[in-house]
């Protein structure tokens, strides 16, 4: 996806010399250079839908990173990932990032503050990745690039806003594949979500400066996920482990079963078992299995019961259900009772 050349058109020279905003010209240039380096990497790892960048997801990624960086500025205590942490400092700080985003967008000719903030998004524009997925996929590279350019977490948050304005220009001004006010809403909600939610740990790679650990871990997770898919047929059966396996064996279908020894090793390595199930589910969706069935459980009732609760206490099969609720549409599936079916 070669969108970098079209991001600013003739205005890129002006930007590289230092856009207006907080800090010295040196800081402004550091933020811009860091943003451009991350975009170079991001274009190789951009989430696609039907072979094209999905605008809502693309807009949400740097927004959530700006918010997550702000969280790390303000919150110094250790909190479990996914826990919402409310503070007056965040309420004061994140509007400044949104004002900075509005300033950059106005330079592109769009006053994003001219209409009320959009908070309900059309299904086709909703981000396809949740906050934890974005953090796991990009946080190591993002933080390494910020550190390389001498930026702390606050400056990293501002660099994230520059990235937001760049992809806004591409998707809203150049390509016009998402309404600018919907895009602004996605950015605003992403910043707020990141700023108020405890992130997943940065991990060993960020601390040690290694380049291959995360890629190796991702490859290992995929390998384990592939080997954990058993059975055959055109349906994937999910639910409490024993019930799901028995239903698949009795009525035909695939199921996910991680060998107990492998699960123990993952726990010792501090790798969440959910990542295996999530990856296995995504593999089946990518391969267009006909449907995903939940057995022994009422999906609508369970979604209502567990929505908004910390993932720390949520059973794996319920987390998969919540994940499908947020992401299935992007893979071409719709909910029908206790199942998600291919459109």
Protein backbone atom coordinates (compact mmCIF):
# COMPACT_ATOMS: atom_id res chain seq x y z
CA UNK A 1 0.00 0.00 0.00
CA UNK A 2 1.93 2.97 -1.23
CA UNK A 3 -0.07 5.78 0.36
CA UNK A 4 2.81 7.74 1.85
CA UNK A 5 3.47 9.69 -1.32
CA UNK A 6 -0.10 11.00 -1.33
CA UNK A 7 -0.50 11.85 2.32
CA UNK A 8 0.18 15.56 2.14
CA UNK A 9 0.75 16.27 -1.50
CA UNK A 10 2.60 19.55 -1.85
CA UNK A 11 2.50 20.34 1.86
CA UNK A 12 4.98 17.71 3.01
CA UNK A 13 7.97 20.05 2.85
CA UNK A 14 6.19 22.49 5.10
CA UNK A 15 5.48 19.73 7.58
CA UNK A 16 9.01 18.39 7.61
CA UNK A 17 10.36 21.77 8.55
CA UNK A 18 8.22 21.71 11.70
CA UNK A 19 4.45 22.11 12.01
CA UNK A 20 2.97 24.50 14.51
CA UNK A 21 2.11 22.94 17.82
CA UNK A 22 3.51 22.41 21.33
CA UNK A 23 7.25 22.36 21.88
CA UNK A 24 10.27 23.72 20.09
CA UNK A 25 10.92 23.34 16.37
CA UNK A 26 13.34 20.56 17.23
CA UNK A 27 10.60 18.67 19.09
CA UNK A 28 8.16 19.27 16.25
CA UNK A 29 10.60 17.82 13.75
CA UNK A 30 11.35 14.84 16.04
CA UNK A 31 7.63 14.09 16.23
CA UNK A 32 7.22 14.40 12.48
CA UNK A 33 10.24 12.20 11.70
CA UNK A 34 9.05 9.56 14.17
CA UNK A 35 5.57 9.65 12.66
CA UNK A 36 6.95 9.16 9.16
CA UNK A 37 9.16 6.26 10.24
CA UNK A 38 6.22 4.52 11.90
CA UNK A 39 4.11 5.05 8.77
CA UNK A 40 6.81 3.39 6.67
CA UNK A 41 6.49 0.33 8.89
CA UNK A 42 2.71 0.63 9.20
CA UNK A 43 2.14 0.41 5.47
CA UNK A 44 3.65 -3.09 5.58
CA UNK A 45 1.33 -4.13 8.44
CA UNK A 46 -1.85 -2.28 7.53
CA UNK A 47 -5.10 -4.16 8.28
CA UNK A 48 -6.86 -4.95 5.00
CA UNK A 49 -10.46 -5.76 4.15
CA UNK A 50 -11.01 -7.33 0.73
CA UNK A 51 -7.45 -6.41 -0.18
CA UNK A 52 -7.75 -2.72 0.72
CA UNK A 53 -6.88 -0.72 3.85
CA UNK A 54 -9.89 -0.55 6.16
CA UNK A 55 -10.23 3.15 6.93
CA UNK A 56 -11.93 2.85 10.31
CA UNK A 57 -9.30 0.44 11.59
CA UNK A 58 -6.43 2.47 10.17
CA UNK A 59 -7.76 5.63 11.84
CA UNK A 60 -8.18 3.86 15.18
CA UNK A 61 -4.64 2.48 15.45
CA UNK A 62 -2.58 5.70 15.86
CA UNK A 63 -5.43 7.23 17.90
CA UNK A 64 -5.34 4.39 20.39
CA UNK A 65 -1.56 4.63 20.45
CA UNK A 66 -1.72 8.32 21.22
CA UNK A 67 -4.11 7.52 24.06
CA UNK A 68 -2.01 4.61 25.34
CA UNK A 69 1.09 6.81 25.39
CA UNK A 70 -0.87 9.37 27.38
CA UNK A 71 -1.94 6.65 29.82
CA UNK A 72 1.71 5.77 30.41
CA UNK A 73 2.51 9.42 31.13
CA UNK A 74 -0.17 9.77 33.77
CA UNK A 75 -0.50 6.33 35.39
CA UNK A 76 2.59 4.97 37.15
CA UNK A 77 0.99 2.16 39.17
CA UNK A 78 0.89 -1.43 37.93
CA UNK A 79 -2.63 -2.28 36.79
CA UNK A 80 -3.82 -5.43 35.04
CA UNK A 81 -4.18 -5.02 31.24
CA UNK A 82 -7.65 -4.05 30.09
CA UNK A 83 -8.69 -2.39 33.35
CA UNK A 84 -10.28 1.04 32.93
CA UNK A 85 -8.54 3.66 35.08
CA UNK A 86 -10.36 6.95 35.48
CA UNK A 87 -8.59 10.12 36.53
CA UNK A 88 -9.09 13.84 36.36
CA UNK A 89 -5.60 14.18 34.81
CA UNK A 90 -6.71 12.13 31.80
CA UNK A 91 -9.92 14.15 31.48
CA UNK A 92 -7.79 17.28 31.31
CA UNK A 93 -5.07 15.95 29.02
CA UNK A 94 -6.79 14.06 26.23
CA UNK A 95 -8.84 17.03 24.88
CA UNK A 96 -5.51 18.73 24.18
CA UNK A 97 -4.59 15.86 21.85
CA UNK A 98 -7.95 16.11 20.09
CA UNK A 99 -7.47 19.87 19.65
CA UNK A 100 -4.07 19.16 18.11
CA UNK A 101 -5.70 16.69 15.71
CA UNK A 102 -8.32 19.30 14.76
CA UNK A 103 -5.57 21.83 14.11
CA UNK A 104 -3.76 19.52 11.68
CA UNK A 105 -7.00 18.57 9.92
CA UNK A 106 -7.89 22.22 9.43
CA UNK A 107 -4.58 22.63 7.59
CA UNK A 108 -5.92 20.00 5.17
CA UNK A 109 -9.04 22.09 4.64
CA UNK A 110 -11.52 20.32 6.95
CA UNK A 111 -12.83 21.81 10.18
CA UNK A 112 -13.55 18.61 12.09
CA UNK A 113 -15.02 20.61 14.98
CA UNK A 114 -17.71 22.13 12.75
CA UNK A 115 -20.17 19.34 13.63
CA UNK A 116 -20.99 17.50 16.88
CA UNK A 117 -18.70 14.59 17.65
CA UNK A 118 -19.86 11.30 16.11
CA UNK A 119 -19.86 8.43 18.60
CA UNK A 120 -22.01 5.85 16.78
CA UNK A 121 -20.31 4.49 13.67
CA UNK A 122 -21.74 2.63 10.65
CA UNK A 123 -20.96 -1.09 10.69
CA UNK A 124 -18.71 -0.79 7.63
CA UNK A 125 -16.54 1.83 9.37
CA UNK A 126 -16.18 0.26 12.82
CA UNK A 127 -12.56 -0.67 13.67
CA UNK A 128 -11.86 -4.37 13.11
CA UNK A 129 -9.18 -4.59 15.83
CA UNK A 130 -9.65 -4.03 19.52
CA UNK A 131 -7.27 -2.11 21.76
CA UNK A 132 -5.36 -5.15 23.04
CA UNK A 133 -4.85 -6.49 19.50
CA UNK A 134 -3.47 -3.14 18.36
CA UNK A 135 -1.12 -2.95 21.32
CA UNK A 136 0.13 -6.50 20.77
CA UNK A 137 0.59 -5.93 17.04
CA UNK A 138 2.32 -2.54 17.03
CA UNK A 139 3.45 -1.40 20.47
CA UNK A 140 7.01 -2.69 20.36
CA UNK A 141 7.85 -1.02 17.04
CA UNK A 142 5.97 2.15 17.97
CA UNK A 143 7.79 2.65 21.25
CA UNK A 144 11.17 1.77 19.77
CA UNK A 145 10.69 4.37 17.03
CA UNK A 146 9.62 7.03 19.53
CA UNK A 147 12.66 6.26 21.71
CA UNK A 148 14.96 6.34 18.67
CA UNK A 149 13.84 9.89 17.92
CA UNK A 150 14.25 11.02 21.52
CA UNK A 151 10.53 11.20 22.35
CA UNK A 152 9.09 10.40 25.75
CA UNK A 153 5.53 9.07 26.17
CA UNK A 154 3.96 12.54 26.04
CA UNK A 155 5.79 13.40 22.83
CA UNK A 156 4.92 9.90 21.57
CA UNK A 157 1.26 10.73 22.12
CA UNK A 158 1.64 13.90 20.06
CA UNK A 159 3.45 11.95 17.34
CA UNK A 160 0.48 9.56 17.32
CA UNK A 161 -1.79 12.53 16.61
CA UNK A 162 0.41 13.53 13.67
CA UNK A 163 -0.02 9.99 12.31
CA UNK A 164 -3.79 10.33 12.80
CA UNK A 165 -3.79 13.51 10.73
CA UNK A 166 -1.73 11.84 8.01
CA UNK A 167 -4.07 8.88 7.60
CA UNK A 168 -7.04 11.27 7.91
CA UNK A 169 -5.69 13.21 4.95
CA UNK A 170 -5.29 10.00 2.96
CA UNK A 171 -8.66 8.45 3.72
CA UNK A 172 -10.81 11.59 4.04
CA UNK A 173 -9.22 14.07 1.64
CA UNK A 174 -7.43 12.01 -1.01
CA UNK A 175 -9.45 8.79 -1.20
CA UNK A 176 -12.70 9.97 0.39
CA UNK A 177 -13.46 6.43 1.56
CA UNK A 178 -14.76 7.46 5.00
CA UNK A 179 -16.74 10.49 6.15
CA UNK A 180 -14.36 12.94 7.86
CA UNK A 181 -16.65 13.39 10.85
CA UNK A 182 -16.98 9.64 11.35
CA UNK A 183 -13.19 9.41 11.09
CA UNK A 184 -12.86 12.17 13.68
CA UNK A 185 -15.19 10.29 16.00
CA UNK A 186 -13.11 7.14 15.62
CA UNK A 187 -9.96 9.10 16.45
CA UNK A 188 -11.56 10.75 19.47
CA UNK A 189 -12.94 7.47 20.84
CA UNK A 190 -9.58 5.78 20.18
CA UNK A 191 -7.65 8.43 22.11
CA UNK A 192 -10.08 8.24 25.03
CA UNK A 193 -10.08 4.43 25.11
CA UNK A 194 -6.28 4.27 25.03
CA UNK A 195 -5.89 7.00 27.64
CA UNK A 196 -8.23 5.29 30.11
CA UNK A 197 -7.34 1.61 29.65
CA UNK A 198 -4.35 -0.11 31.20
CA UNK A 199 -2.24 -1.45 28.29
CA UNK A 200 -0.65 -4.85 27.82
CA UNK A 201 2.98 -4.84 29.03
CA UNK A 202 5.64 -3.69 26.63
CA UNK A 203 7.45 -6.99 27.12
CA UNK A 204 11.06 -8.13 26.88
CA UNK A 205 11.70 -6.94 23.38
CA UNK A 206 11.13 -3.30 24.17
CA UNK A 207 13.43 -3.55 27.15
CA UNK A 208 16.22 -5.48 25.45
CA UNK A 209 16.07 -3.84 22.05
CA UNK A 210 15.89 -7.21 20.24
CA UNK A 211 14.36 -7.24 16.78
CA UNK A 212 13.02 -10.76 16.30
CA UNK A 213 11.44 -11.90 19.56
CA UNK A 214 7.95 -10.61 18.79
CA UNK A 215 7.93 -11.99 15.25
CA UNK A 216 9.09 -15.35 16.56
CA UNK A 217 6.42 -15.32 19.26
CA UNK A 218 3.71 -14.46 16.73
CA UNK A 219 4.86 -17.29 14.48
CA UNK A 220 4.87 -19.70 17.40
CA UNK A 221 1.37 -18.67 18.45
CA UNK A 222 0.10 -19.23 14.91
CA UNK A 223 1.77 -22.66 14.76
CA UNK A 224 0.24 -23.69 18.09
CA UNK A 225 -3.15 -22.35 17.00
CA UNK A 226 -3.06 -24.33 13.75
CA UNK A 227 -2.14 -27.54 15.58
CA UNK A 228 -4.90 -26.94 18.14
CA UNK A 229 -7.70 -27.05 15.55
CA UNK A 230 -9.15 -30.57 15.46
CA UNK A 231 -12.12 -32.28 13.84
CA UNK A 232 -13.56 -31.62 10.41
CA UNK A 233 -16.57 -30.11 8.71
CA UNK A 234 -18.03 -26.75 7.86
CA UNK A 235 -18.67 -25.47 11.40
CA UNK A 236 -16.41 -24.42 14.25
CA UNK A 237 -17.86 -25.34 17.65
CA UNK A 238 -17.12 -23.11 20.64
CA UNK A 239 -18.31 -23.04 24.25
CA UNK A 240 -17.11 -24.54 27.49
CA UNK A 241 -14.29 -26.89 26.50
CA UNK A 242 -15.87 -30.30 27.20
CA UNK A 243 -19.26 -29.35 25.77
CA UNK A 244 -17.74 -27.92 22.57
CA UNK A 245 -15.52 -30.96 21.95
CA UNK A 246 -18.36 -33.43 22.60
CA UNK A 247 -20.77 -31.58 20.31
CA UNK A 248 -18.23 -31.48 17.48
CA UNK A 249 -17.54 -35.19 17.86
CA UNK A 250 -21.26 -36.09 18.02
CA UNK A 251 -22.60 -33.77 15.33
CA UNK A 252 -19.58 -33.04 13.16
CA UNK A 253 -17.44 -29.95 13.21
CA UNK A 254 -14.11 -28.48 14.20
CA UNK A 255 -13.06 -27.53 17.70
CA UNK A 256 -10.07 -25.86 19.39
CA UNK A 257 -8.22 -27.89 21.99
CA UNK A 258 -4.82 -26.87 23.35
CA UNK A 259 -2.82 -29.78 24.73
CA UNK A 260 -2.51 -29.45 28.55
CA UNK A 261 1.30 -29.63 28.41
CA UNK A 262 1.39 -26.87 25.79
CA UNK A 263 -1.00 -24.78 27.90
CA UNK A 264 1.30 -25.22 30.89
CA UNK A 265 4.33 -24.10 28.89
CA UNK A 266 2.46 -21.06 27.63
CA UNK A 267 1.55 -20.13 31.19
CA UNK A 268 5.17 -20.45 32.28
CA UNK A 269 6.18 -18.21 29.36
CA UNK A 270 3.54 -15.65 30.40
CA UNK A 271 1.65 -16.10 27.10
CA UNK A 272 -2.13 -15.78 27.45
CA UNK A 273 -3.96 -18.94 26.39
CA UNK A 274 -6.63 -16.73 24.85
CA UNK A 275 -4.16 -15.68 22.11
CA UNK A 276 -4.11 -19.27 20.84
CA UNK A 277 -7.90 -19.51 20.71
CA UNK A 278 -8.23 -16.06 19.17
CA UNK A 279 -5.65 -16.87 16.47
CA UNK A 280 -7.29 -20.23 15.72
CA UNK A 281 -10.67 -18.53 15.39
CA UNK A 282 -9.24 -15.87 13.05
CA UNK A 283 -7.62 -18.59 10.91
CA UNK A 284 -10.98 -20.33 10.48
CA UNK A 285 -12.72 -17.06 9.63
CA UNK A 286 -10.00 -16.22 7.10
CA UNK A 287 -10.53 -19.66 5.57
CA UNK A 288 -14.28 -18.87 5.35
CA UNK A 289 -15.69 -21.71 7.41
CA UNK A 290 -19.47 -21.71 6.99
CA UNK A 291 -20.39 -20.90 10.57
CA UNK A 292 -19.23 -20.65 14.17
CA UNK A 293 -21.60 -22.26 16.69
CA UNK A 294 -21.68 -21.72 20.44
CA UNK A 295 -23.14 -24.70 22.31
CA UNK A 296 -24.50 -24.99 25.84
CA UNK A 297 -24.81 -21.23 26.20
CA UNK A 298 -27.17 -18.40 25.24
CA UNK A 299 -25.12 -15.93 23.24
CA UNK A 300 -27.29 -12.82 23.66
CA UNK A 301 -27.71 -13.33 27.40
CA UNK A 302 -23.98 -14.00 27.85
CA UNK A 303 -22.97 -10.94 25.83
CA UNK A 304 -25.19 -8.76 27.97
CA UNK A 305 -23.86 -10.30 31.18
CA UNK A 306 -20.15 -9.94 30.36
CA UNK A 307 -20.07 -6.77 28.25
CA UNK A 308 -17.73 -4.15 29.75
CA UNK A 309 -16.16 -6.45 32.34
CA UNK A 310 -12.41 -6.88 32.72
CA UNK A 311 -11.02 -9.63 30.50
CA UNK A 312 -9.01 -10.89 33.49
CA UNK A 313 -12.06 -12.71 34.84
CA UNK A 314 -13.78 -13.54 31.55
CA UNK A 315 -13.73 -17.21 30.42
CA UNK A 316 -11.96 -17.85 27.11
CA UNK A 317 -15.11 -18.91 25.25
CA UNK A 318 -16.89 -15.74 26.41
CA UNK A 319 -13.96 -13.59 25.30
CA UNK A 320 -14.20 -15.27 21.88
CA UNK A 321 -17.88 -14.42 21.80
CA UNK A 322 -17.20 -10.79 22.67
CA UNK A 323 -14.46 -10.72 20.03
CA UNK A 324 -16.88 -12.00 17.40
CA UNK A 325 -19.42 -9.39 18.38
CA UNK A 326 -16.87 -6.67 17.63
CA UNK A 327 -15.02 -8.17 14.66
CA UNK A 328 -17.11 -10.79 12.83
CA UNK A 329 -18.63 -8.33 10.39
CA UNK A 330 -15.19 -7.39 9.11
CA UNK A 331 -14.61 -11.04 8.20
CA UNK A 332 -17.98 -11.34 6.46
CA UNK A 333 -20.04 -13.01 9.21
CA UNK A 334 -23.34 -12.11 10.86
CA UNK A 335 -24.89 -13.27 14.11
CA UNK A 336 -27.89 -15.59 13.99
CA UNK A 337 -28.96 -16.76 17.43
CA UNK A 338 -26.08 -18.71 18.97
CA UNK A 339 -24.10 -18.76 15.72
CA UNK A 340 -22.14 -16.50 13.42
CA UNK A 341 -22.72 -17.39 9.77
CA UNK A 342 -20.87 -16.50 6.58
CA UNK A 343 -22.77 -13.90 4.58
